[in-house]
Amino acid sequence: MSNRTLIAFDFGTKSIGAAIGQEITGTARALAAFKAQDGTPDWLKIEKMLQEWQPDLVIVGLPLNMDGSEQPLTARARKFANRLHGRFGVKVELHDERLSTVEARSHLFDRGGFRALDKGSVDSASAVVILESWFEQHPGA
């Protein structure tokens, strides 16, 4: 089993959630979400986070409709993933994120009620769900 460090992003047009995880444990924890202007983050903050954590792989959640078809946000998430790779040279994989926000909201609500459901917390909790889902689908990758 590998002990790679992975970072996951939950792409959104106003906020981009982030999570960090270790492949050996298959677990992730939320990092601070990044504010975005129409899907564009502060790339310097993203760069600082990537330099701090030195991930071996970056996972970007791919928003799909429940039937698996693409939606308008799908192309924008792909573009974000391509920019991460192009700007920083990190290896990036896309991962189906269907229901990650629903699951994240449920976990946060269980722990803190409505007060826990602020946008940044939900987005970063969604990134945790995306990364842990990736770990489940790639055991011992």
C-alpha atoms as a PDB file:
ATOM      1  CA  MET A   1       0.000   0.000   0.000  1.00  0.00           C
ATOM      2  CA  SER A   2       1.233   3.445  -0.923  1.00  0.00           C
ATOM      3  CA  ASN A   3       1.490   6.378   1.466  1.00  0.00           C
ATOM      4  CA  ARG A   4       0.822   9.187  -0.961  1.00  0.00           C
ATOM      5  CA  THR A   5      -0.553  12.535   0.138  1.00  0.00           C
ATOM      6  CA  LEU A   6      -3.587  13.651  -1.843  1.00  0.00           C
ATOM      7  CA  ILE A   7      -5.520  16.893  -2.010  1.00  0.00           C
ATOM      8  CA  ALA A   8      -9.099  17.035  -3.262  1.00  0.00           C
ATOM      9  CA  PHE A   9     -11.044  20.027  -4.520  1.00  0.00           C
ATOM     10  CA  ASP A  10     -14.808  20.490  -4.697  1.00  0.00           C
ATOM     11  CA  PHE A  11     -15.071  23.028  -7.517  1.00  0.00           C
ATOM     12  CA  GLY A  12     -17.707  25.745  -7.402  1.00  0.00           C
ATOM     13  CA  THR A  13     -18.153  29.148  -8.989  1.00  0.00           C
ATOM     14  CA  LYS A  14     -18.215  31.014  -5.629  1.00  0.00           C
ATOM     15  CA  SER A  15     -16.270  28.676  -3.371  1.00  0.00           C
ATOM     16  CA  ILE A  16     -13.837  25.797  -3.883  1.00  0.00           C
ATOM     17  CA  GLY A  17     -13.609  23.329  -1.028  1.00  0.00           C
ATOM     18  CA  ALA A  18     -10.356  21.547  -0.230  1.00  0.00           C
ATOM     19  CA  ALA A  19      -9.355  18.454   1.736  1.00  0.00           C
ATOM     20  CA  ILE A  20      -6.097  16.654   2.479  1.00  0.00           C
ATOM     21  CA  GLY A  21      -5.712  12.923   2.957  1.00  0.00           C
ATOM     22  CA  GLN A  22      -3.255  10.073   3.239  1.00  0.00           C
ATOM     23  CA  GLU A  23      -3.637   7.022   1.049  1.00  0.00           C
ATOM     24  CA  ILE A  24      -2.351   4.650   3.745  1.00  0.00           C
ATOM     25  CA  THR A  25      -5.208   5.547   6.120  1.00  0.00           C
ATOM     26  CA  GLY A  26      -7.828   6.205   3.455  1.00  0.00           C
ATOM     27  CA  THR A  27      -9.059   9.203   5.408  1.00  0.00           C
ATOM     28  CA  ALA A  28      -9.252  12.904   4.711  1.00  0.00           C
ATOM     29  CA  ARG A  29      -9.806  16.137   6.624  1.00  0.00           C
ATOM     30  CA  ALA A  30     -11.147  19.465   5.525  1.00  0.00           C
ATOM     31  CA  LEU A  31      -8.898  22.412   4.721  1.00  0.00           C
ATOM     32  CA  ALA A  32     -10.079  25.993   4.352  1.00  0.00           C
ATOM     33  CA  ALA A  33     -12.246  26.654   1.318  1.00  0.00           C
ATOM     34  CA  PHE A  34     -11.127  29.162  -1.294  1.00  0.00           C
ATOM     35  CA  LYS A  35     -13.376  31.980  -2.397  1.00  0.00           C
ATOM     36  CA  ALA A  36     -13.780  32.158  -6.158  1.00  0.00           C
ATOM     37  CA  GLN A  37     -14.933  34.829  -8.592  1.00  0.00           C
ATOM     38  CA  ASP A  38     -17.059  33.078 -11.207  1.00  0.00           C
ATOM     39  CA  GLY A  39     -14.990  29.903 -10.727  1.00  0.00           C
ATOM     40  CA  THR A  40     -11.589  31.601 -10.638  1.00  0.00           C
ATOM     41  CA  PRO A  41      -9.755  31.204  -7.311  1.00  0.00           C
ATOM     42  CA  ASP A  42      -6.854  33.219  -5.971  1.00  0.00           C
ATOM     43  CA  TRP A  43      -4.193  31.084  -7.662  1.00  0.00           C
ATOM     44  CA  LEU A  44      -1.512  32.351  -5.251  1.00  0.00           C
ATOM     45  CA  LYS A  45      -3.427  30.812  -2.331  1.00  0.00           C
ATOM     46  CA  ILE A  46      -3.806  27.534  -4.221  1.00  0.00           C
ATOM     47  CA  GLU A  47      -0.073  27.589  -5.000  1.00  0.00           C
ATOM     48  CA  LYS A  48       0.779  28.226  -1.334  1.00  0.00           C
ATOM     49  CA  MET A  49      -1.368  25.272  -0.241  1.00  0.00           C
ATOM     50  CA  LEU A  50       0.203  22.980  -2.852  1.00  0.00           C
ATOM     51  CA  GLN A  51       3.702  24.048  -1.772  1.00  0.00           C
ATOM     52  CA  GLU A  52       2.839  23.482   1.894  1.00  0.00           C
ATOM     53  CA  TRP A  53       1.360  19.992   1.457  1.00  0.00           C
ATOM     54  CA  GLN A  54       3.334  18.749  -1.596  1.00  0.00           C
ATOM     55  CA  PRO A  55       0.572  16.358  -2.758  1.00  0.00           C
ATOM     56  CA  ASP A  56       1.480  13.356  -4.878  1.00  0.00           C
ATOM     57  CA  LEU A  57      -1.919  13.547  -6.572  1.00  0.00           C
ATOM     58  CA  VAL A  58      -4.766  16.058  -6.773  1.00  0.00           C
ATOM     59  CA  ILE A  59      -8.377  14.923  -7.124  1.00  0.00           C
ATOM     60  CA  VAL A  60     -10.992  17.293  -8.549  1.00  0.00           C
ATOM     61  CA  GLY A  61     -14.653  16.426  -8.070  1.00  0.00           C
ATOM     62  CA  LEU A  62     -16.490  16.067 -11.371  1.00  0.00           C
ATOM     63  CA  PRO A  63     -20.079  17.309 -11.081  1.00  0.00           C
ATOM     64  CA  LEU A  64     -22.419  15.096 -13.090  1.00  0.00           C
ATOM     65  CA  ASN A  65     -26.182  14.763 -13.248  1.00  0.00           C
ATOM     66  CA  MET A  66     -27.668  11.763 -11.438  1.00  0.00           C
ATOM     67  CA  ASP A  67     -27.951   9.887 -14.747  1.00  0.00           C
ATOM     68  CA  GLY A  68     -24.205  10.399 -15.337  1.00  0.00           C
ATOM     69  CA  SER A  69     -24.648  13.034 -18.028  1.00  0.00           C
ATOM     70  CA  GLU A  70     -22.662  16.242 -17.955  1.00  0.00           C
ATOM     71  CA  GLN A  71     -24.007  19.590 -16.785  1.00  0.00           C
ATOM     72  CA  PRO A  72     -22.728  23.149 -17.390  1.00  0.00           C
ATOM     73  CA  LEU A  73     -20.486  22.995 -14.287  1.00  0.00           C
ATOM     74  CA  THR A  74     -18.814  19.787 -15.531  1.00  0.00           C
ATOM     75  CA  ALA A  75     -16.788  21.578 -18.215  1.00  0.00           C
ATOM     76  CA  ARG A  76     -15.769  24.283 -15.749  1.00  0.00           C
ATOM     77  CA  ALA A  77     -14.516  21.684 -13.239  1.00  0.00           C
ATOM     78  CA  ARG A  78     -12.497  20.031 -16.041  1.00  0.00           C
ATOM     79  CA  LYS A  79     -11.023  23.437 -16.936  1.00  0.00           C
ATOM     80  CA  PHE A  80     -10.092  24.020 -13.271  1.00  0.00           C
ATOM     81  CA  ALA A  81      -8.382  20.590 -13.175  1.00  0.00           C
ATOM     82  CA  ASN A  82      -6.485  21.359 -16.392  1.00  0.00           C
ATOM     83  CA  ARG A  83      -5.348  24.711 -14.983  1.00  0.00           C
ATOM     84  CA  LEU A  84      -4.096  23.062 -11.780  1.00  0.00           C
ATOM     85  CA  HIS A  85      -2.013  20.685 -13.871  1.00  0.00           C
ATOM     86  CA  GLY A  86      -0.824  23.376 -16.290  1.00  0.00           C
ATOM     87  CA  ARG A  87       0.092  25.989 -13.683  1.00  0.00           C
ATOM     88  CA  PHE A  88       1.642  23.770 -11.038  1.00  0.00           C
ATOM     89  CA  GLY A  89       2.614  20.556 -12.833  1.00  0.00           C
ATOM     90  CA  VAL A  90       0.686  18.396 -10.354  1.00  0.00           C
ATOM     91  CA  LYS A  91      -0.880  15.117 -11.412  1.00  0.00           C
ATOM     92  CA  VAL A  92      -4.669  15.590 -11.437  1.00  0.00           C
ATOM     93  CA  GLU A  93      -7.498  13.059 -11.643  1.00  0.00           C
ATOM     94  CA  LEU A  94     -11.204  13.758 -11.942  1.00  0.00           C
ATOM     95  CA  HIS A  95     -13.607  11.852  -9.679  1.00  0.00           C
ATOM     96  CA  ASP A  96     -17.407  11.562  -9.870  1.00  0.00           C
ATOM     97  CA  GLU A  97     -18.798  13.687  -7.063  1.00  0.00           C
ATOM     98  CA  ARG A  98     -22.513  12.919  -7.314  1.00  0.00           C
ATOM     99  CA  LEU A  99     -24.196  13.352  -3.922  1.00  0.00           C
ATOM    100  CA  SER A 100     -21.011  14.575  -2.188  1.00  0.00           C
ATOM    101  CA  THR A 101     -22.669  17.863  -1.157  1.00  0.00           C
ATOM    102  CA  VAL A 102     -25.763  16.050   0.131  1.00  0.00           C
ATOM    103  CA  GLU A 103     -23.588  13.702   2.199  1.00  0.00           C
ATOM    104  CA  ALA A 104     -21.413  16.560   3.472  1.00  0.00           C
ATOM    105  CA  ARG A 105     -24.445  18.627   4.525  1.00  0.00           C
ATOM    106  CA  SER A 106     -25.855  15.619   6.373  1.00  0.00           C
ATOM    107  CA  HIS A 107     -22.602  15.018   8.301  1.00  0.00           C
ATOM    108  CA  LEU A 108     -22.242  18.702   9.198  1.00  0.00           C
ATOM    109  CA  PHE A 109     -25.869  19.018  10.266  1.00  0.00           C
ATOM    110  CA  ASP A 110     -25.537  15.935  12.472  1.00  0.00           C
ATOM    111  CA  ARG A 111     -22.582  17.566  14.230  1.00  0.00           C
ATOM    112  CA  GLY A 112     -23.746  21.166  14.511  1.00  0.00           C
ATOM    113  CA  GLY A 113     -27.249  21.769  13.185  1.00  0.00           C
ATOM    114  CA  PHE A 114     -27.963  24.614  10.775  1.00  0.00           C
ATOM    115  CA  ARG A 115     -25.101  26.737  12.169  1.00  0.00           C
ATOM    116  CA  ALA A 116     -22.613  24.229  10.768  1.00  0.00           C
ATOM    117  CA  LEU A 117     -23.915  24.617   7.215  1.00  0.00           C
ATOM    118  CA  ASP A 118     -21.994  27.707   6.094  1.00  0.00           C
ATOM    119  CA  LYS A 119     -20.881  27.569   2.442  1.00  0.00           C
ATOM    120  CA  GLY A 120     -17.133  27.122   3.056  1.00  0.00           C
ATOM    121  CA  SER A 121     -17.685  24.310   5.557  1.00  0.00           C
ATOM    122  CA  VAL A 122     -20.016  22.474   3.184  1.00  0.00           C
ATOM    123  CA  ASP A 123     -17.609  22.826   0.256  1.00  0.00           C
ATOM    124  CA  SER A 124     -14.605  21.567   2.229  1.00  0.00           C
ATOM    125  CA  ALA A 125     -16.666  18.742   3.760  1.00  0.00           C
ATOM    126  CA  SER A 126     -17.686  17.838   0.193  1.00  0.00           C
ATOM    127  CA  ALA A 127     -13.997  17.690  -0.733  1.00  0.00           C
ATOM    128  CA  VAL A 128     -13.493  15.238   2.158  1.00  0.00           C
ATOM    129  CA  VAL A 129     -16.334  13.068   0.822  1.00  0.00           C
ATOM    130  CA  ILE A 130     -14.842  13.207  -2.702  1.00  0.00           C
ATOM    131  CA  LEU A 131     -11.384  12.186  -1.467  1.00  0.00           C
ATOM    132  CA  GLU A 132     -12.614   9.391   0.804  1.00  0.00           C
ATOM    133  CA  SER A 133     -14.788   8.106  -2.046  1.00  0.00           C
ATOM    134  CA  TRP A 134     -11.698   8.093  -4.282  1.00  0.00           C
ATOM    135  CA  PHE A 135      -9.799   6.108  -1.621  1.00  0.00           C
ATOM    136  CA  GLU A 136     -12.651   3.553  -1.463  1.00  0.00           C
ATOM    137  CA  GLN A 137     -12.601   3.089  -5.243  1.00  0.00           C
ATOM    138  CA  HIS A 138      -8.788   2.859  -5.428  1.00  0.00           C
ATOM    139  CA  PRO A 139      -7.736   0.604  -2.532  1.00  0.00           C
ATOM    140  CA  GLY A 140      -3.989   0.225  -2.436  1.00  0.00           C
ATOM    141  CA  ALA A 141      -3.664   2.293  -5.624  1.00  0.00           C
END
